């Protein structure tokens, strides 16, 4: 069966059947740290309850994945705005420096 994912392995299948040849713990650990960092920022923005499905996972290839879970449209729109504001601020800093 062909792999159902993009070339960067972002949309990789979850690791339902683990293989001893893959470093799952490393990938999951990276995803766990990233999910915790995201959760901290979501709490700071008052969005903690809008992301109940936020969790770390790992793909069949051992790549860490951060799952956001099912989002309501308001939460998704606010997250998009926060990302846009952050990117704008970063671009302004680079232009000034």
C-alpha atoms as a PDB file:
ATOM      1  CA  UNK A   1       0.000   0.000   0.000  1.00  0.00           C
ATOM      2  CA  UNK A   2       1.334   3.429  -0.922  1.00  0.00           C
ATOM      3  CA  UNK A   3       2.140   5.793   1.911  1.00  0.00           C
ATOM      4  CA  UNK A   4      -0.635   8.311   2.489  1.00  0.00           C
ATOM      5  CA  UNK A   5       1.424  11.372   3.322  1.00  0.00           C
ATOM      6  CA  UNK A   6       3.122  14.392   1.874  1.00  0.00           C
ATOM      7  CA  UNK A   7       6.854  14.386   0.978  1.00  0.00           C
ATOM      8  CA  UNK A   8       7.789  16.180   4.229  1.00  0.00           C
ATOM      9  CA  UNK A   9       6.024  13.466   6.268  1.00  0.00           C
ATOM     10  CA  UNK A  10       3.748  16.000   7.944  1.00  0.00           C
ATOM     11  CA  UNK A  11       0.557  14.071   7.255  1.00  0.00           C
ATOM     12  CA  UNK A  12       2.035  10.702   8.140  1.00  0.00           C
ATOM     13  CA  UNK A  13      -0.130   7.862   9.365  1.00  0.00           C
ATOM     14  CA  UNK A  14      -0.153   7.308  13.112  1.00  0.00           C
ATOM     15  CA  UNK A  15       1.935   4.519  14.592  1.00  0.00           C
ATOM     16  CA  UNK A  16      -0.800   1.951  15.172  1.00  0.00           C
ATOM     17  CA  UNK A  17       1.609  -0.947  14.648  1.00  0.00           C
ATOM     18  CA  UNK A  18       4.960  -0.106  16.146  1.00  0.00           C
ATOM     19  CA  UNK A  19       8.186  -1.469  14.716  1.00  0.00           C
ATOM     20  CA  UNK A  20      11.306  -2.117  16.775  1.00  0.00           C
ATOM     21  CA  UNK A  21      13.411  -0.601  13.982  1.00  0.00           C
ATOM     22  CA  UNK A  22      11.983   2.915  14.485  1.00  0.00           C
ATOM     23  CA  UNK A  23      13.052   5.485  17.133  1.00  0.00           C
ATOM     24  CA  UNK A  24       9.520   6.262  18.330  1.00  0.00           C
ATOM     25  CA  UNK A  25      10.505   7.581  21.740  1.00  0.00           C
ATOM     26  CA  UNK A  26      12.686  10.348  20.285  1.00  0.00           C
ATOM     27  CA  UNK A  27       9.970  11.505  17.879  1.00  0.00           C
ATOM     28  CA  UNK A  28       7.271  11.341  20.526  1.00  0.00           C
ATOM     29  CA  UNK A  29       9.479  13.236  22.989  1.00  0.00           C
ATOM     30  CA  UNK A  30      10.000  16.049  20.475  1.00  0.00           C
ATOM     31  CA  UNK A  31       6.266  16.178  19.811  1.00  0.00           C
ATOM     32  CA  UNK A  32       5.498  16.184  23.557  1.00  0.00           C
ATOM     33  CA  UNK A  33       7.792  19.165  24.165  1.00  0.00           C
ATOM     34  CA  UNK A  34       6.289  21.035  21.218  1.00  0.00           C
ATOM     35  CA  UNK A  35       2.722  20.252  22.311  1.00  0.00           C
ATOM     36  CA  UNK A  36       3.511  21.493  25.830  1.00  0.00           C
ATOM     37  CA  UNK A  37       5.017  24.725  24.449  1.00  0.00           C
ATOM     38  CA  UNK A  38       1.945  25.255  22.275  1.00  0.00           C
ATOM     39  CA  UNK A  39      -0.381  24.505  25.210  1.00  0.00           C
ATOM     40  CA  UNK A  40       1.454  27.125  27.289  1.00  0.00           C
ATOM     41  CA  UNK A  41       0.961  29.758  24.596  1.00  0.00           C
ATOM     42  CA  UNK A  42      -2.689  28.789  24.113  1.00  0.00           C
ATOM     43  CA  UNK A  43      -3.259  29.186  27.871  1.00  0.00           C
ATOM     44  CA  UNK A  44      -1.636  32.630  27.724  1.00  0.00           C
ATOM     45  CA  UNK A  45      -4.029  33.574  24.907  1.00  0.00           C
ATOM     46  CA  UNK A  46      -7.030  32.252  26.832  1.00  0.00           C
ATOM     47  CA  UNK A  47      -7.577  29.394  24.370  1.00  0.00           C
ATOM     48  CA  UNK A  48      -6.816  26.404  26.594  1.00  0.00           C
ATOM     49  CA  UNK A  49     -10.368  25.041  26.492  1.00  0.00           C
ATOM     50  CA  UNK A  50     -10.615  25.471  22.701  1.00  0.00           C
ATOM     51  CA  UNK A  51      -7.979  22.770  22.074  1.00  0.00           C
ATOM     52  CA  UNK A  52      -9.057  19.763  24.172  1.00  0.00           C
ATOM     53  CA  UNK A  53      -7.525  17.337  21.670  1.00  0.00           C
ATOM     54  CA  UNK A  54      -4.018  18.826  21.756  1.00  0.00           C
ATOM     55  CA  UNK A  55      -1.563  15.960  22.218  1.00  0.00           C
ATOM     56  CA  UNK A  56       1.738  14.483  21.142  1.00  0.00           C
ATOM     57  CA  UNK A  57       1.780  11.505  18.808  1.00  0.00           C
ATOM     58  CA  UNK A  58       4.203   9.692  16.543  1.00  0.00           C
ATOM     59  CA  UNK A  59       3.979   8.501  12.940  1.00  0.00           C
ATOM     60  CA  UNK A  60       4.749   5.038  11.637  1.00  0.00           C
ATOM     61  CA  UNK A  61       8.169   6.423  10.679  1.00  0.00           C
ATOM     62  CA  UNK A  62       8.979   7.608  14.203  1.00  0.00           C
ATOM     63  CA  UNK A  63       8.403  11.272  13.359  1.00  0.00           C
ATOM     64  CA  UNK A  64       6.837  13.295  16.140  1.00  0.00           C
ATOM     65  CA  UNK A  65       3.405  14.751  15.422  1.00  0.00           C
ATOM     66  CA  UNK A  66       1.459  17.387  17.314  1.00  0.00           C
ATOM     67  CA  UNK A  67      -2.262  16.771  16.992  1.00  0.00           C
ATOM     68  CA  UNK A  68      -4.547  19.734  17.545  1.00  0.00           C
ATOM     69  CA  UNK A  69      -7.724  17.662  17.612  1.00  0.00           C
ATOM     70  CA  UNK A  70     -11.039  18.891  16.316  1.00  0.00           C
ATOM     71  CA  UNK A  71     -11.307  22.673  16.426  1.00  0.00           C
ATOM     72  CA  UNK A  72     -14.324  24.889  16.276  1.00  0.00           C
ATOM     73  CA  UNK A  73     -14.289  27.528  13.542  1.00  0.00           C
ATOM     74  CA  UNK A  74     -13.809  30.371  16.031  1.00  0.00           C
ATOM     75  CA  UNK A  75     -10.769  28.702  17.586  1.00  0.00           C
ATOM     76  CA  UNK A  76      -9.252  27.951  14.167  1.00  0.00           C
ATOM     77  CA  UNK A  77      -9.793  31.525  13.022  1.00  0.00           C
ATOM     78  CA  UNK A  78      -8.270  32.961  16.198  1.00  0.00           C
ATOM     79  CA  UNK A  79      -5.280  30.631  15.901  1.00  0.00           C
ATOM     80  CA  UNK A  80      -4.779  31.790  12.301  1.00  0.00           C
ATOM     81  CA  UNK A  81      -4.872  35.415  13.460  1.00  0.00           C
ATOM     82  CA  UNK A  82      -2.349  34.746  16.226  1.00  0.00           C
ATOM     83  CA  UNK A  83       0.011  33.083  13.755  1.00  0.00           C
ATOM     84  CA  UNK A  84      -0.367  36.004  11.327  1.00  0.00           C
ATOM     85  CA  UNK A  85       0.344  38.550  14.087  1.00  0.00           C
ATOM     86  CA  UNK A  86       3.407  36.589  15.191  1.00  0.00           C
ATOM     87  CA  UNK A  87       4.736  36.359  11.652  1.00  0.00           C
ATOM     88  CA  UNK A  88       4.145  40.067  11.086  1.00  0.00           C
ATOM     89  CA  UNK A  89       6.032  40.919  14.267  1.00  0.00           C
ATOM     90  CA  UNK A  90       8.922  38.651  13.281  1.00  0.00           C
ATOM     91  CA  UNK A  91       9.113  40.182   9.796  1.00  0.00           C
ATOM     92  CA  UNK A  92       9.091  43.704  11.289  1.00  0.00           C
ATOM     93  CA  UNK A  93      11.955  42.782  13.637  1.00  0.00           C
ATOM     94  CA  UNK A  94      14.016  41.410  10.735  1.00  0.00           C
ATOM     95  CA  UNK A  95      13.368  44.503   8.617  1.00  0.00           C
ATOM     96  CA  UNK A  96      14.380  46.798  11.484  1.00  0.00           C
ATOM     97  CA  UNK A  97      17.519  44.813  12.332  1.00  0.00           C
END
